[in-house]
Protein backbone atom coordinates (compact mmCIF):
# COMPACT_ATOMS: atom_id res chain seq x y z
CA MET A 1 25.49 367.46 184.14
CA ALA A 2 25.44 364.36 181.96
CA ASP A 3 22.34 363.73 179.90
CA PRO A 4 21.89 359.99 179.21
CA HIS A 5 19.15 360.56 176.63
CA HIS A 6 21.18 361.39 173.54
CA ASP A 7 20.35 359.75 170.24
CA ALA A 8 24.02 358.74 169.87
CA HIS A 9 23.73 356.45 172.91
CA GLY A 10 20.82 354.28 171.88
CA ALA A 11 19.93 350.88 173.28
CA ASP A 12 21.32 349.26 170.12
CA ASP A 13 24.85 350.39 171.03
CA TYR A 14 25.04 348.17 174.11
CA GLN A 15 27.31 345.15 173.74
CA ARG A 16 27.19 342.33 176.23
CA GLY A 17 30.55 341.57 177.85
CA SER A 18 32.47 338.52 176.73
CA MET A 19 35.46 338.60 179.07
CA ALA A 20 36.35 335.38 180.89
CA ILE A 21 36.02 335.83 184.63
CA GLY A 22 38.21 332.93 185.73
CA GLU A 23 40.75 335.15 187.49
CA GLN A 24 38.07 337.14 189.30
CA ALA A 25 36.37 333.94 190.46
CA ALA A 26 39.69 332.54 191.70
CA THR A 27 40.47 335.79 193.52
CA TRP A 28 37.04 335.82 195.18
CA LYS A 29 37.51 332.20 196.28
CA LEU A 30 40.87 333.15 197.79
CA VAL A 31 39.36 336.14 199.62
CA GLN A 32 36.58 333.97 201.06
CA ALA A 33 39.14 331.40 202.23
CA MET A 34 41.28 334.10 203.83
CA PHE A 35 38.26 335.52 205.68
CA SER A 36 37.18 332.07 206.87
CA TRP A 37 40.59 330.89 208.04
CA GLY A 38 41.47 334.30 209.45
CA SER A 39 38.26 334.43 211.48
CA LEU A 40 38.91 330.94 212.79
CA GLY A 41 42.46 331.87 213.78
CA ILE A 42 41.33 335.03 215.55
CA ALA A 43 38.59 333.14 217.42
CA ALA A 44 41.04 330.42 218.54
CA LEU A 45 43.62 332.99 219.63
CA LEU A 46 41.01 335.03 221.49
CA LEU A 47 39.71 331.95 223.31
CA ALA A 48 43.25 330.93 224.27
CA LEU A 49 44.10 334.40 225.58
CA VAL A 50 40.85 334.81 227.52
CA MET A 51 41.16 331.40 229.17
CA ALA A 52 44.86 331.92 229.91
CA PHE A 53 44.64 335.37 231.45
CA ARG A 54 41.30 335.31 233.24
CA PRO A 55 41.44 335.27 237.06
CA GLY A 56 42.36 331.73 238.05
CA GLY A 57 43.16 330.87 234.44
CA ASN A 58 45.96 328.71 233.16
CA ILE A 59 48.08 329.29 230.07
CA LEU A 60 48.21 325.58 229.27
CA VAL A 61 44.41 325.24 229.48
CA GLY A 62 43.99 328.28 227.24
CA LEU A 63 46.44 326.87 224.72
CA VAL A 64 44.75 323.47 224.68
CA LEU A 65 41.28 325.01 224.24
CA GLY A 66 42.54 327.27 221.45
CA VAL A 67 44.08 324.32 219.62
CA ILE A 68 40.89 322.27 220.05
CA LEU A 69 38.76 325.11 218.69
CA PHE A 70 41.10 325.53 215.73
CA ALA A 71 41.09 321.79 214.99
CA VAL A 72 37.29 321.55 215.12
CA GLY A 73 36.95 324.69 213.01
CA ALA A 74 39.47 323.43 210.47
CA PHE A 75 37.56 320.15 210.16
CA TRP A 76 34.33 322.10 209.70
CA LEU A 77 35.85 324.44 207.08
CA LYS A 78 37.40 321.60 205.09
CA SER A 79 34.18 319.58 205.09
CA GLY A 80 32.12 322.59 203.98
CA SER A 81 29.83 322.82 200.99
CA LYS A 82 31.27 321.04 197.96
CA SER A 83 28.54 322.12 195.55
CA ALA A 84 29.55 324.36 192.68
CA HIS A 85 27.35 327.32 191.89
């Protein structure tokens, strides 16, 4: 079992990282965008399918409602928080 209390591994040996994290930040931003847009697409598709195939439903009504939901969601996602952290 590892023993972290050796004299060779003192607190003075620690070096703070200096690597630029630009690529990691860009990747995380891409992942967040994919989750957001993917969730919106799934919700719009699910609404369209439910409204189209429910008893007494209509494929055209389902399609229109799915497109409306996607358009409103796209507007909401694009107008999201612009503040940088």
